[in-house]
């Protein structure tokens, strides 16, 4: 039996890829869609906007990232123009920030039908 990954993103990655469908090449459309996601975090201690974390995660997953560490590495390696277009205005989130934030999202909310979405 193969060992399980310490930071599996399979359930999240499918949902993130589905969110990005139809918005490729238009980061403003992606950011507008992701801005509608309810932030599950407490206000105290937030350093990164949820939309930025989600946008970085979506792009990293679409680029092949399959773990929270890989998402963080993709974000850290992204060029300044990409980061700016995705709304990053400071340091990129750490791997633990991606893990904690993405694990607390309501996955059922991502599965809910969106107006105008193709199925």
N, C-alpha and C. Protein backbone atom coordinates (compact mmCIF):
# COMPACT_ATOMS: atom_id res chain seq x y z
N UNK A 1 0.84 -1.16 0.00
CA UNK A 1 0.00 0.00 0.00
C UNK A 1 0.89 1.24 0.00
N UNK A 2 0.68 2.17 -0.94
CA UNK A 2 1.51 3.37 -0.98
C UNK A 2 1.22 4.29 0.20
N UNK A 3 2.25 4.99 0.62
CA UNK A 3 2.10 5.93 1.72
C UNK A 3 1.28 7.12 1.25
N UNK A 4 0.47 7.65 2.14
CA UNK A 4 -0.34 8.81 1.77
C UNK A 4 0.50 10.07 1.89
N UNK A 5 0.15 11.05 1.08
CA UNK A 5 0.86 12.31 1.08
C UNK A 5 0.60 13.07 2.38
N UNK A 6 1.57 13.81 2.85
CA UNK A 6 1.39 14.57 4.07
C UNK A 6 0.53 15.81 3.86
N UNK A 7 0.40 16.25 2.61
CA UNK A 7 -0.43 17.43 2.33
C UNK A 7 -1.21 17.23 1.03
N UNK A 8 -2.18 16.32 1.06
CA UNK A 8 -2.92 16.04 -0.18
C UNK A 8 -3.78 17.22 -0.59
N UNK A 9 -3.79 17.52 -1.86
CA UNK A 9 -4.62 18.61 -2.37
C UNK A 9 -5.60 18.13 -3.41
N UNK A 10 -5.71 16.82 -3.63
CA UNK A 10 -6.58 16.30 -4.68
C UNK A 10 -8.00 16.83 -4.59
N UNK A 11 -8.69 16.80 -3.43
CA UNK A 11 -10.05 17.31 -3.40
C UNK A 11 -10.11 18.81 -3.71
N UNK A 12 -9.15 19.55 -3.22
CA UNK A 12 -9.13 20.99 -3.44
C UNK A 12 -8.75 21.32 -4.88
N UNK A 13 -7.78 20.59 -5.43
CA UNK A 13 -7.28 20.95 -6.77
C UNK A 13 -8.34 20.81 -7.84
N UNK A 14 -9.18 19.79 -7.75
CA UNK A 14 -10.25 19.66 -8.73
C UNK A 14 -11.23 20.81 -8.67
N UNK A 15 -11.55 21.24 -7.47
CA UNK A 15 -12.47 22.34 -7.31
C UNK A 15 -11.85 23.66 -7.76
N UNK A 16 -10.57 23.86 -7.48
CA UNK A 16 -9.91 25.09 -7.91
C UNK A 16 -9.79 25.14 -9.43
N UNK A 17 -9.47 24.02 -10.04
CA UNK A 17 -9.38 23.99 -11.50
C UNK A 17 -10.74 24.27 -12.12
N UNK A 18 -11.79 23.75 -11.51
CA UNK A 18 -13.14 24.01 -12.01
C UNK A 18 -13.51 25.48 -11.91
N UNK A 19 -13.09 26.14 -10.85
CA UNK A 19 -13.34 27.57 -10.70
C UNK A 19 -12.66 28.38 -11.78
N UNK A 20 -11.48 27.95 -12.17
CA UNK A 20 -10.70 28.71 -13.13
C UNK A 20 -11.15 28.49 -14.57
N UNK A 21 -11.99 27.48 -14.81
CA UNK A 21 -12.44 27.18 -16.16
C UNK A 21 -13.15 28.41 -16.73
N UNK A 22 -12.75 28.79 -17.90
CA UNK A 22 -13.38 29.93 -18.56
C UNK A 22 -12.77 31.26 -18.19
N UNK A 23 -11.84 31.31 -17.23
CA UNK A 23 -11.24 32.58 -16.85
C UNK A 23 -9.77 32.65 -17.23
N UNK A 24 -9.27 31.63 -17.90
CA UNK A 24 -7.86 31.63 -18.28
C UNK A 24 -7.56 32.84 -19.16
N UNK A 25 -6.46 33.47 -18.88
CA UNK A 25 -6.05 34.63 -19.66
C UNK A 25 -6.70 35.92 -19.17
N UNK A 26 -7.60 35.84 -18.20
CA UNK A 26 -8.27 37.02 -17.69
C UNK A 26 -8.20 37.01 -16.17
N UNK A 27 -7.08 37.47 -15.60
CA UNK A 27 -6.95 37.41 -14.15
C UNK A 27 -8.00 38.25 -13.43
N UNK A 28 -8.49 39.32 -14.05
CA UNK A 28 -9.50 40.13 -13.36
C UNK A 28 -10.79 39.34 -13.20
N UNK A 29 -11.14 38.50 -14.18
CA UNK A 29 -12.32 37.65 -14.07
C UNK A 29 -12.14 36.61 -12.99
N UNK A 30 -10.97 36.03 -12.93
CA UNK A 30 -10.67 35.04 -11.90
C UNK A 30 -10.71 35.68 -10.53
N UNK A 31 -10.10 36.84 -10.38
CA UNK A 31 -10.07 37.53 -9.09
C UNK A 31 -11.48 37.92 -8.65
N UNK A 32 -12.30 38.37 -9.60
CA UNK A 32 -13.69 38.75 -9.26
C UNK A 32 -14.47 37.53 -8.78
N UNK A 33 -14.25 36.39 -9.42
CA UNK A 33 -14.94 35.17 -9.03
C UNK A 33 -14.47 34.72 -7.64
N UNK A 34 -13.18 34.75 -7.41
CA UNK A 34 -12.63 34.30 -6.14
C UNK A 34 -12.98 35.26 -5.00
N UNK A 35 -13.20 36.53 -5.32
CA UNK A 35 -13.55 37.51 -4.29
C UNK A 35 -14.91 37.21 -3.67
N UNK A 36 -15.72 36.39 -4.31
CA UNK A 36 -17.04 36.03 -3.79
C UNK A 36 -16.98 34.93 -2.74
N UNK A 37 -15.82 34.30 -2.59
CA UNK A 37 -15.67 33.21 -1.62
C UNK A 37 -15.63 33.81 -0.21
N UNK A 38 -16.42 33.21 0.69
CA UNK A 38 -16.47 33.67 2.07
C UNK A 38 -15.19 33.27 2.79
N UNK A 39 -14.60 34.25 3.47
CA UNK A 39 -13.35 34.02 4.21
C UNK A 39 -13.67 33.37 5.55
N UNK A 40 -13.19 32.13 5.80
CA UNK A 40 -13.49 31.44 7.05
C UNK A 40 -12.59 31.84 8.21
N UNK A 41 -11.63 32.70 7.95
CA UNK A 41 -10.64 33.02 8.98
C UNK A 41 -11.14 34.12 9.91
N UNK A 42 -10.57 34.13 11.11
CA UNK A 42 -10.84 35.22 12.06
C UNK A 42 -10.05 36.43 11.61
N UNK A 43 -10.57 37.61 11.83
CA UNK A 43 -9.91 38.83 11.37
C UNK A 43 -8.54 39.03 11.99
N UNK A 44 -8.39 38.62 13.22
CA UNK A 44 -7.13 38.83 13.93
C UNK A 44 -6.02 37.97 13.31
N UNK A 45 -4.94 38.60 12.93
CA UNK A 45 -3.78 37.87 12.44
C UNK A 45 -3.75 37.63 10.94
N UNK A 46 -4.73 38.11 10.20
CA UNK A 46 -4.73 37.91 8.74
C UNK A 46 -3.67 38.80 8.11
N UNK A 47 -2.78 38.19 7.33
CA UNK A 47 -1.72 38.93 6.65
C UNK A 47 -1.91 38.96 5.14
N UNK A 48 -2.68 38.01 4.62
CA UNK A 48 -2.88 37.89 3.18
C UNK A 48 -4.37 37.84 2.89
N UNK A 49 -4.80 38.60 1.89
CA UNK A 49 -6.21 38.57 1.50
C UNK A 49 -6.55 37.19 0.96
N UNK A 50 -7.76 36.72 1.24
CA UNK A 50 -8.20 35.41 0.80
C UNK A 50 -8.14 35.30 -0.71
N UNK A 51 -8.56 36.34 -1.42
CA UNK A 51 -8.57 36.28 -2.87
C UNK A 51 -7.16 36.05 -3.42
N UNK A 52 -6.15 36.59 -2.77
CA UNK A 52 -4.76 36.40 -3.20
C UNK A 52 -4.33 34.95 -2.97
N UNK A 53 -4.65 34.41 -1.81
CA UNK A 53 -4.31 33.02 -1.51
C UNK A 53 -4.97 32.09 -2.52
N UNK A 54 -6.24 32.33 -2.79
CA UNK A 54 -6.97 31.47 -3.73
C UNK A 54 -6.44 31.61 -5.16
N UNK A 55 -6.15 32.83 -5.59
CA UNK A 55 -5.64 33.04 -6.95
C UNK A 55 -4.29 32.34 -7.13
N UNK A 56 -3.42 32.48 -6.15
CA UNK A 56 -2.13 31.81 -6.23
C UNK A 56 -2.30 30.30 -6.25
N UNK A 57 -3.21 29.79 -5.42
CA UNK A 57 -3.45 28.35 -5.37
C UNK A 57 -4.02 27.84 -6.69
N UNK A 58 -4.97 28.57 -7.27
CA UNK A 58 -5.55 28.16 -8.55
C UNK A 58 -4.47 28.08 -9.62
N UNK A 59 -3.67 29.12 -9.73
CA UNK A 59 -2.62 29.14 -10.75
C UNK A 59 -1.59 28.04 -10.53
N UNK A 60 -1.21 27.83 -9.28
CA UNK A 60 -0.23 26.78 -8.97
C UNK A 60 -0.78 25.40 -9.31
N UNK A 61 -2.03 25.15 -8.96
CA UNK A 61 -2.64 23.85 -9.27
C UNK A 61 -2.74 23.64 -10.77
N UNK A 62 -3.14 24.69 -11.49
CA UNK A 62 -3.22 24.58 -12.94
C UNK A 62 -1.84 24.36 -13.57
N UNK A 63 -0.80 24.82 -12.87
CA UNK A 63 0.57 24.62 -13.35
C UNK A 63 1.15 23.27 -12.92
N UNK A 64 0.36 22.50 -12.16
CA UNK A 64 0.80 21.16 -11.79
C UNK A 64 1.09 20.91 -10.33
N UNK A 65 0.95 21.91 -9.48
CA UNK A 65 1.20 21.72 -8.05
C UNK A 65 0.19 20.74 -7.47
N UNK A 66 0.67 19.81 -6.67
CA UNK A 66 -0.20 18.79 -6.09
C UNK A 66 -0.07 18.68 -4.58
N UNK A 67 0.55 19.67 -3.95
CA UNK A 67 0.66 19.69 -2.49
C UNK A 67 0.69 21.15 -2.05
N UNK A 68 0.44 21.36 -0.79
CA UNK A 68 0.49 22.73 -0.28
C UNK A 68 1.90 23.30 -0.38
N UNK A 69 2.88 22.46 -0.18
CA UNK A 69 4.27 22.89 -0.33
C UNK A 69 4.56 23.31 -1.76
N UNK A 70 4.07 22.52 -2.72
CA UNK A 70 4.27 22.85 -4.13
C UNK A 70 3.56 24.14 -4.51
N UNK A 71 2.39 24.39 -3.93
CA UNK A 71 1.68 25.64 -4.19
C UNK A 71 2.52 26.81 -3.69
N UNK A 72 3.04 26.69 -2.48
CA UNK A 72 3.87 27.76 -1.92
C UNK A 72 5.14 27.97 -2.72
N UNK A 73 5.75 26.89 -3.19
CA UNK A 73 6.96 27.01 -4.02
C UNK A 73 6.65 27.70 -5.34
N UNK A 74 5.50 27.35 -5.95
CA UNK A 74 5.12 28.01 -7.20
C UNK A 74 4.94 29.51 -6.96
N UNK A 75 4.25 29.85 -5.88
CA UNK A 75 4.02 31.26 -5.57
C UNK A 75 5.34 32.00 -5.32
N UNK A 76 6.25 31.36 -4.59
CA UNK A 76 7.54 31.99 -4.30
C UNK A 76 8.39 32.18 -5.56
N UNK A 77 8.21 31.29 -6.54
CA UNK A 77 8.99 31.36 -7.78
C UNK A 77 8.34 32.22 -8.86
N UNK A 78 7.09 32.64 -8.65
CA UNK A 78 6.39 33.44 -9.66
C UNK A 78 7.09 34.78 -9.85
N UNK A 79 7.07 35.27 -11.08
CA UNK A 79 7.71 36.56 -11.35
C UNK A 79 6.85 37.71 -10.83
N UNK A 80 7.44 38.87 -10.71
CA UNK A 80 6.78 40.05 -10.13
C UNK A 80 5.52 40.44 -10.91
N UNK A 81 5.56 40.35 -12.23
CA UNK A 81 4.39 40.72 -13.03
C UNK A 81 3.21 39.79 -12.73
N UNK A 82 3.47 38.50 -12.66
CA UNK A 82 2.41 37.53 -12.35
C UNK A 82 1.84 37.81 -10.97
N UNK A 83 2.71 38.02 -10.00
CA UNK A 83 2.25 38.30 -8.64
C UNK A 83 1.41 39.58 -8.60
N UNK A 84 1.84 40.60 -9.31
CA UNK A 84 1.09 41.85 -9.33
C UNK A 84 -0.29 41.66 -9.97
N UNK A 85 -0.35 40.91 -11.06
CA UNK A 85 -1.64 40.67 -11.74
C UNK A 85 -2.59 39.86 -10.88
N UNK A 86 -2.05 39.07 -9.94
CA UNK A 86 -2.87 38.26 -9.05
C UNK A 86 -3.18 38.98 -7.74
N UNK A 87 -2.75 40.22 -7.61
CA UNK A 87 -3.09 41.03 -6.44
C UNK A 87 -2.16 40.91 -5.26
N UNK A 88 -1.00 40.30 -5.45
CA UNK A 88 -0.04 40.18 -4.35
C UNK A 88 0.63 41.53 -4.15
N UNK A 89 0.58 42.02 -2.91
CA UNK A 89 1.16 43.34 -2.64
C UNK A 89 2.21 43.30 -1.53
N UNK A 90 2.76 42.15 -1.30
CA UNK A 90 3.78 41.99 -0.27
C UNK A 90 4.40 40.62 -0.44
N UNK A 91 4.89 40.06 0.65
CA UNK A 91 5.46 38.72 0.55
C UNK A 91 4.37 37.70 0.23
N UNK A 92 4.75 36.63 -0.45
CA UNK A 92 3.78 35.58 -0.77
C UNK A 92 3.49 34.75 0.48
N UNK A 93 2.30 34.16 0.55
CA UNK A 93 1.97 33.33 1.71
C UNK A 93 2.89 32.11 1.80
N UNK A 94 3.05 31.61 3.01
CA UNK A 94 3.87 30.41 3.24
C UNK A 94 3.05 29.16 2.97
N UNK A 95 3.72 28.03 2.93
CA UNK A 95 3.04 26.76 2.74
C UNK A 95 2.02 26.49 3.83
N UNK A 96 2.35 26.84 5.07
CA UNK A 96 1.40 26.61 6.17
C UNK A 96 0.19 27.52 6.05
N UNK A 97 0.37 28.72 5.52
CA UNK A 97 -0.77 29.62 5.31
C UNK A 97 -1.70 29.04 4.25
N UNK A 98 -1.14 28.53 3.15
CA UNK A 98 -1.97 27.89 2.13
C UNK A 98 -2.72 26.70 2.74
N UNK A 99 -2.01 25.86 3.47
CA UNK A 99 -2.62 24.67 4.06
C UNK A 99 -3.76 25.04 5.00
N UNK A 100 -3.49 25.90 5.97
CA UNK A 100 -4.51 26.26 6.96
C UNK A 100 -5.72 26.91 6.29
N UNK A 101 -5.49 27.82 5.37
CA UNK A 101 -6.59 28.54 4.74
C UNK A 101 -7.42 27.62 3.86
N UNK A 102 -6.77 26.86 3.01
CA UNK A 102 -7.52 26.00 2.08
C UNK A 102 -8.25 24.88 2.81
N UNK A 103 -7.71 24.40 3.91
CA UNK A 103 -8.38 23.34 4.67
C UNK A 103 -9.64 23.85 5.37
N UNK A 104 -9.73 25.14 5.62
CA UNK A 104 -10.89 25.68 6.32
C UNK A 104 -11.98 26.18 5.38
N UNK A 105 -11.76 26.12 4.09
CA UNK A 105 -12.79 26.55 3.14
C UNK A 105 -13.94 25.54 3.10
N UNK A 106 -15.12 26.02 2.80
CA UNK A 106 -16.29 25.17 2.67
C UNK A 106 -16.30 24.59 1.26
N UNK A 107 -15.90 23.33 1.13
CA UNK A 107 -15.80 22.69 -0.19
C UNK A 107 -17.15 22.61 -0.88
N UNK A 108 -18.23 22.47 -0.12
CA UNK A 108 -19.56 22.40 -0.72
C UNK A 108 -19.93 23.70 -1.43
N UNK A 109 -19.42 24.82 -0.92
CA UNK A 109 -19.70 26.11 -1.57
C UNK A 109 -19.08 26.16 -2.97
N UNK A 110 -17.95 25.49 -3.15
CA UNK A 110 -17.31 25.46 -4.46
C UNK A 110 -18.08 24.58 -5.43
N UNK A 111 -18.78 23.58 -4.90
CA UNK A 111 -19.54 22.67 -5.74
C UNK A 111 -20.90 23.22 -6.14
N UNK A 112 -21.36 24.26 -5.47
CA UNK A 112 -22.67 24.84 -5.77
C UNK A 112 -22.65 25.40 -7.18
N UNK A 113 -23.74 25.23 -7.92
CA UNK A 113 -23.80 25.78 -9.28
C UNK A 113 -23.67 27.30 -9.26
N UNK A 114 -22.93 27.80 -10.22
CA UNK A 114 -22.74 29.23 -10.37
C UNK A 114 -23.53 29.69 -11.58
N UNK A 115 -24.16 30.86 -11.49
CA UNK A 115 -24.90 31.38 -12.65
C UNK A 115 -23.98 31.50 -13.87
N UNK A 116 -24.43 30.97 -14.97
CA UNK A 116 -23.66 31.07 -16.21
C UNK A 116 -22.55 30.05 -16.35
N UNK A 117 -22.37 29.20 -15.35
CA UNK A 117 -21.29 28.20 -15.42
C UNK A 117 -21.71 27.03 -16.29
N UNK A 118 -20.75 26.52 -17.03
CA UNK A 118 -21.00 25.33 -17.86
C UNK A 118 -20.84 24.09 -17.02
N UNK A 119 -21.65 23.13 -17.23
CA UNK A 119 -21.55 21.85 -16.53
C UNK A 119 -21.38 20.75 -17.52
